Amino acid sequence: MTVLIILGCLFIALLVIIPLIERSGFTMSNETMGKWGRWILPLLVVLGVIQLIMFYAN
């Protein structure tokens, strides 16, 4: 039941946030996207390692 509530909240948030972003005219340059892209994968790896440590620590 909790999963359905979380999915419902995420769906509603998407219905609200996407139109707001489209109306604001928010755009990112290729340089900015490149800078963000360089950080995403290493941060996901760090997050995965931390999750594994937390899982095996318990």
Protein backbone atom coordinates (compact mmCIF):
# COMPACT_ATOMS: atom_id res chain seq x y z
CA MET A 1 0.00 0.00 0.00
CA THR A 2 2.85 2.34 0.80
CA VAL A 3 4.31 1.83 -2.67
CA LEU A 4 1.04 2.93 -4.26
CA ILE A 5 0.95 6.08 -2.13
CA ILE A 6 4.54 6.94 -3.09
CA LEU A 7 3.85 6.32 -6.78
CA GLY A 8 0.70 8.44 -6.58
CA CYS A 9 2.60 11.33 -4.98
CA LEU A 10 5.32 11.13 -7.61
CA PHE A 11 2.77 11.10 -10.43
CA ILE A 12 0.96 14.13 -9.02
CA ALA A 13 4.27 15.94 -8.53
CA LEU A 14 5.16 15.30 -12.16
CA LEU A 15 1.80 16.62 -13.30
CA VAL A 16 2.46 19.84 -11.37
CA ILE A 17 6.21 20.33 -11.86
CA ILE A 18 6.52 19.66 -15.60
CA PRO A 19 4.04 22.38 -16.67
CA LEU A 20 5.68 24.86 -14.28
CA ILE A 21 9.12 24.21 -15.77
CA GLU A 22 7.78 24.51 -19.32
CA ARG A 23 6.11 27.85 -18.55
CA SER A 24 9.19 29.30 -16.87
CA GLY A 25 11.30 28.82 -19.99
CA PHE A 26 14.12 27.20 -18.01
CA THR A 27 16.90 26.10 -20.33
CA MET A 28 20.37 24.75 -19.74
CA SER A 29 23.32 25.32 -22.02
CA ASN A 30 25.41 22.42 -23.31
CA GLU A 31 28.26 23.51 -21.04
CA THR A 32 26.05 23.38 -17.96
CA MET A 33 24.67 19.97 -18.90
CA GLY A 34 28.21 18.73 -19.43
CA LYS A 35 29.27 19.93 -16.01
CA TRP A 36 26.29 18.21 -14.39
CA GLY A 37 26.90 15.06 -16.40
CA ARG A 38 30.44 14.78 -15.10
CA TRP A 39 29.16 14.69 -11.52
CA ILE A 40 26.11 12.43 -11.86
CA LEU A 41 27.81 9.07 -12.49
CA PRO A 42 30.48 9.39 -9.75
CA LEU A 43 27.83 10.49 -7.25
CA LEU A 44 25.66 7.49 -8.16
CA VAL A 45 28.64 5.17 -7.66
CA VAL A 46 29.33 6.71 -4.24
CA LEU A 47 25.65 6.35 -3.35
CA GLY A 48 25.70 2.69 -4.38
CA VAL A 49 28.81 1.98 -2.30
CA ILE A 50 27.29 3.67 0.74
CA GLN A 51 24.08 1.65 0.31
CA LEU A 52 26.08 -1.59 0.11
CA ILE A 53 28.03 -0.70 3.26
CA MET A 54 24.80 0.13 5.09
CA PHE A 55 23.19 -3.11 3.91
CA TYR A 56 26.07 -5.34 5.02
CA ALA A 57 26.64 -3.40 8.25
CA ASN A 58 23.23 -4.46 9.53
